[in-house]
Amino acid sequence: MADKRATIQEMTDGAAAQEKRDRKNWVAFVESDAVNFLTLNDIEKMTLDDGEGNKAKLTRRKDGSVYVECTSANIL
């Protein structure tokens, strides 16, 4: 008995149903969880990309502060 494979339509239906993250949620994640991870693990530089056009670069400065640069792609 052969396994039933999903059709392309079945595979893409789940992707369309996924909730899109908005820019506010991305920035909140970067400025909280990502900064905390960078700080707690003594990382100097970190680049994040969510695969949906949102990107962030985090850099630790000499005074211990963290410089955050966020960019995003928006479809209107």
N, C-alpha and C. Protein backbone atom coordinates (compact mmCIF):
# COMPACT_ATOMS: atom_id res chain seq x y z
N MET A 1 0.85 -1.17 0.00
CA MET A 1 0.00 0.00 0.00
C MET A 1 0.89 1.23 0.00
N ALA A 2 0.71 2.08 -0.97
CA ALA A 2 1.56 3.26 -1.14
C ALA A 2 1.06 4.40 -0.24
N ASP A 3 2.02 5.22 0.24
CA ASP A 3 1.66 6.39 1.03
C ASP A 3 1.04 7.44 0.11
N LYS A 4 0.02 8.13 0.63
CA LYS A 4 -0.62 9.19 -0.15
C LYS A 4 0.21 10.46 -0.01
N ARG A 5 0.66 10.98 -1.11
CA ARG A 5 1.43 12.23 -1.11
C ARG A 5 0.48 13.41 -1.23
N ALA A 6 0.85 14.49 -0.57
CA ALA A 6 0.03 15.70 -0.64
C ALA A 6 0.19 16.37 -2.00
N THR A 7 -0.89 16.97 -2.48
CA THR A 7 -0.83 17.70 -3.73
C THR A 7 -0.17 19.06 -3.47
N ILE A 8 0.21 19.73 -4.54
CA ILE A 8 0.80 21.07 -4.41
C ILE A 8 -0.19 22.00 -3.73
N GLN A 9 -1.46 21.90 -4.09
CA GLN A 9 -2.49 22.73 -3.49
C GLN A 9 -2.57 22.50 -1.98
N GLU A 10 -2.53 21.25 -1.56
CA GLU A 10 -2.59 20.92 -0.13
C GLU A 10 -1.37 21.46 0.61
N MET A 11 -0.21 21.40 -0.03
CA MET A 11 1.01 21.89 0.62
C MET A 11 1.01 23.41 0.74
N THR A 12 0.46 24.11 -0.25
CA THR A 12 0.49 25.57 -0.22
C THR A 12 -0.67 26.17 0.57
N ASP A 13 -1.74 25.42 0.80
CA ASP A 13 -2.86 25.93 1.59
C ASP A 13 -2.42 26.29 3.00
N GLY A 14 -1.57 25.49 3.60
CA GLY A 14 -1.08 25.76 4.95
C GLY A 14 -0.23 27.02 5.01
N ALA A 15 0.55 27.27 3.96
CA ALA A 15 1.39 28.47 3.93
C ALA A 15 0.54 29.72 3.84
N ALA A 16 -0.56 29.67 3.10
CA ALA A 16 -1.42 30.84 2.96
C ALA A 16 -2.16 31.13 4.26
N ALA A 17 -2.39 30.09 5.06
CA ALA A 17 -3.13 30.26 6.31
C ALA A 17 -2.25 30.79 7.43
N GLN A 18 -0.93 30.73 7.28
CA GLN A 18 -0.04 31.22 8.32
C GLN A 18 -0.21 32.72 8.49
N GLU A 19 -0.23 33.13 9.76
CA GLU A 19 -0.38 34.55 10.06
C GLU A 19 0.93 35.27 9.78
N LYS A 20 0.85 36.37 9.04
CA LYS A 20 2.04 37.17 8.74
C LYS A 20 2.38 38.03 9.94
N ARG A 21 3.67 38.10 10.25
CA ARG A 21 4.13 38.98 11.33
C ARG A 21 4.19 40.40 10.80
N ASP A 22 3.73 41.34 11.57
CA ASP A 22 3.84 42.72 11.13
C ASP A 22 5.15 43.32 11.63
N ARG A 23 5.47 44.49 11.12
CA ARG A 23 6.74 45.13 11.45
C ARG A 23 6.87 45.40 12.95
N LYS A 24 5.78 45.76 13.61
CA LYS A 24 5.84 46.05 15.04
C LYS A 24 6.28 44.82 15.82
N ASN A 25 5.73 43.66 15.48
CA ASN A 25 6.13 42.43 16.18
C ASN A 25 7.59 42.09 15.91
N TRP A 26 8.08 42.32 14.69
CA TRP A 26 9.47 42.04 14.35
C TRP A 26 10.40 42.94 15.16
N VAL A 27 10.11 44.24 15.19
CA VAL A 27 10.95 45.18 15.93
C VAL A 27 10.92 44.86 17.42
N ALA A 28 9.75 44.52 17.94
CA ALA A 28 9.64 44.16 19.36
C ALA A 28 10.48 42.94 19.67
N PHE A 29 10.45 41.92 18.79
CA PHE A 29 11.27 40.72 18.98
C PHE A 29 12.75 41.06 18.96
N VAL A 30 13.17 41.86 17.99
CA VAL A 30 14.58 42.21 17.86
C VAL A 30 15.05 43.00 19.07
N GLU A 31 14.25 44.00 19.48
CA GLU A 31 14.68 44.87 20.57
C GLU A 31 14.55 44.23 21.95
N SER A 32 13.91 43.09 22.05
CA SER A 32 13.82 42.43 23.35
C SER A 32 14.58 41.10 23.34
N ASP A 33 14.00 40.08 22.73
CA ASP A 33 14.60 38.73 22.77
C ASP A 33 15.97 38.66 22.12
N ALA A 34 16.11 39.27 20.94
CA ALA A 34 17.40 39.19 20.24
C ALA A 34 18.49 39.96 20.98
N VAL A 35 18.16 41.14 21.50
CA VAL A 35 19.14 41.92 22.26
C VAL A 35 19.53 41.18 23.53
N ASN A 36 18.56 40.58 24.21
CA ASN A 36 18.86 39.80 25.42
C ASN A 36 19.77 38.62 25.10
N PHE A 37 19.51 37.91 23.98
CA PHE A 37 20.35 36.79 23.58
C PHE A 37 21.79 37.26 23.31
N LEU A 38 21.92 38.36 22.58
CA LEU A 38 23.24 38.91 22.26
C LEU A 38 23.99 39.27 23.55
N THR A 39 23.30 39.90 24.48
CA THR A 39 23.91 40.34 25.73
C THR A 39 24.30 39.16 26.62
N LEU A 40 23.39 38.22 26.80
CA LEU A 40 23.64 37.09 27.70
C LEU A 40 24.73 36.15 27.21
N ASN A 41 24.94 36.12 25.90
CA ASN A 41 25.93 35.20 25.33
C ASN A 41 27.21 35.90 24.87
N ASP A 42 27.40 37.16 25.28
CA ASP A 42 28.61 37.93 24.95
C ASP A 42 28.95 37.89 23.47
N ILE A 43 27.94 38.11 22.63
CA ILE A 43 28.12 38.13 21.18
C ILE A 43 28.39 39.57 20.77
N GLU A 44 29.33 39.77 19.86
CA GLU A 44 29.69 41.12 19.40
C GLU A 44 28.78 41.61 18.28
N LYS A 45 28.48 40.74 17.30
CA LYS A 45 27.64 41.13 16.16
C LYS A 45 26.71 39.97 15.83
N MET A 46 25.50 40.34 15.38
CA MET A 46 24.53 39.32 15.02
C MET A 46 23.64 39.88 13.91
N THR A 47 23.33 39.04 12.93
CA THR A 47 22.44 39.42 11.83
C THR A 47 21.26 38.46 11.84
N LEU A 48 20.05 39.01 11.72
CA LEU A 48 18.84 38.20 11.71
C LEU A 48 18.07 38.45 10.42
N ASP A 49 17.44 37.40 9.90
CA ASP A 49 16.62 37.48 8.70
C ASP A 49 15.47 36.50 8.87
N ASP A 50 14.22 36.97 8.79
CA ASP A 50 13.09 36.07 8.99
C ASP A 50 12.61 35.43 7.69
N GLY A 51 13.25 35.72 6.57
CA GLY A 51 12.86 35.12 5.31
C GLY A 51 11.67 35.79 4.65
N GLU A 52 11.10 36.81 5.28
CA GLU A 52 9.96 37.51 4.72
C GLU A 52 10.26 38.98 4.47
N GLY A 53 11.55 39.31 4.37
CA GLY A 53 11.95 40.68 4.08
C GLY A 53 12.36 41.50 5.28
N ASN A 54 12.13 40.97 6.48
CA ASN A 54 12.53 41.67 7.69
C ASN A 54 13.93 41.25 8.08
N LYS A 55 14.80 42.23 8.28
CA LYS A 55 16.19 41.96 8.63
C LYS A 55 16.62 42.87 9.76
N ALA A 56 17.59 42.42 10.54
CA ALA A 56 18.12 43.24 11.62
C ALA A 56 19.60 42.95 11.81
N LYS A 57 20.35 44.00 12.13
CA LYS A 57 21.76 43.87 12.47
C LYS A 57 21.94 44.43 13.87
N LEU A 58 22.57 43.66 14.74
CA LEU A 58 22.83 44.08 16.10
C LEU A 58 24.33 44.11 16.31
N THR A 59 24.83 45.17 16.92
CA THR A 59 26.26 45.33 17.15
C THR A 59 26.47 45.85 18.56
N ARG A 60 27.37 45.21 19.31
CA ARG A 60 27.71 45.69 20.64
C ARG A 60 28.73 46.80 20.51
N ARG A 61 28.49 47.93 21.18
CA ARG A 61 29.42 49.07 21.16
C ARG A 61 30.42 48.94 22.28
N LYS A 62 31.47 49.75 22.21
CA LYS A 62 32.53 49.69 23.22
C LYS A 62 32.03 50.02 24.63
N ASP A 63 31.00 50.88 24.72
CA ASP A 63 30.47 51.25 26.03
C ASP A 63 29.47 50.23 26.58
N GLY A 64 29.25 49.11 25.86
CA GLY A 64 28.36 48.05 26.31
C GLY A 64 26.95 48.15 25.78
N SER A 65 26.60 49.27 25.16
CA SER A 65 25.26 49.41 24.59
C SER A 65 25.17 48.59 23.30
N VAL A 66 23.96 48.38 22.84
CA VAL A 66 23.73 47.58 21.63
C VAL A 66 23.09 48.48 20.57
N TYR A 67 23.71 48.54 19.39
CA TYR A 67 23.21 49.30 18.26
C TYR A 67 22.36 48.35 17.42
N VAL A 68 21.09 48.73 17.15
CA VAL A 68 20.17 47.89 16.40
C VAL A 68 19.73 48.62 15.14
N GLU A 69 19.83 47.95 14.00
CA GLU A 69 19.38 48.49 12.73
C GLU A 69 18.38 47.50 12.13
N CYS A 70 17.12 47.92 11.95
CA CYS A 70 16.08 47.06 11.40
C CYS A 70 15.65 47.57 10.03
N THR A 71 15.45 46.65 9.11
CA THR A 71 14.90 46.98 7.80
C THR A 71 13.77 46.01 7.52
N SER A 72 12.85 46.41 6.66
CA SER A 72 11.76 45.50 6.31
C SER A 72 11.31 45.77 4.88
N ALA A 73 10.69 44.77 4.32
CA ALA A 73 10.08 44.89 2.99
C ALA A 73 8.59 44.79 3.19
N ASN A 74 7.84 45.74 2.64
CA ASN A 74 6.40 45.75 2.79
C ASN A 74 5.72 45.66 1.44
N ILE A 75 4.72 44.82 1.35
CA ILE A 75 3.92 44.69 0.13
C ILE A 75 2.62 45.43 0.38
N LEU A 76 2.33 46.42 -0.45
CA LEU A 76 1.12 47.22 -0.26
C LEU A 76 0.11 46.92 -1.34
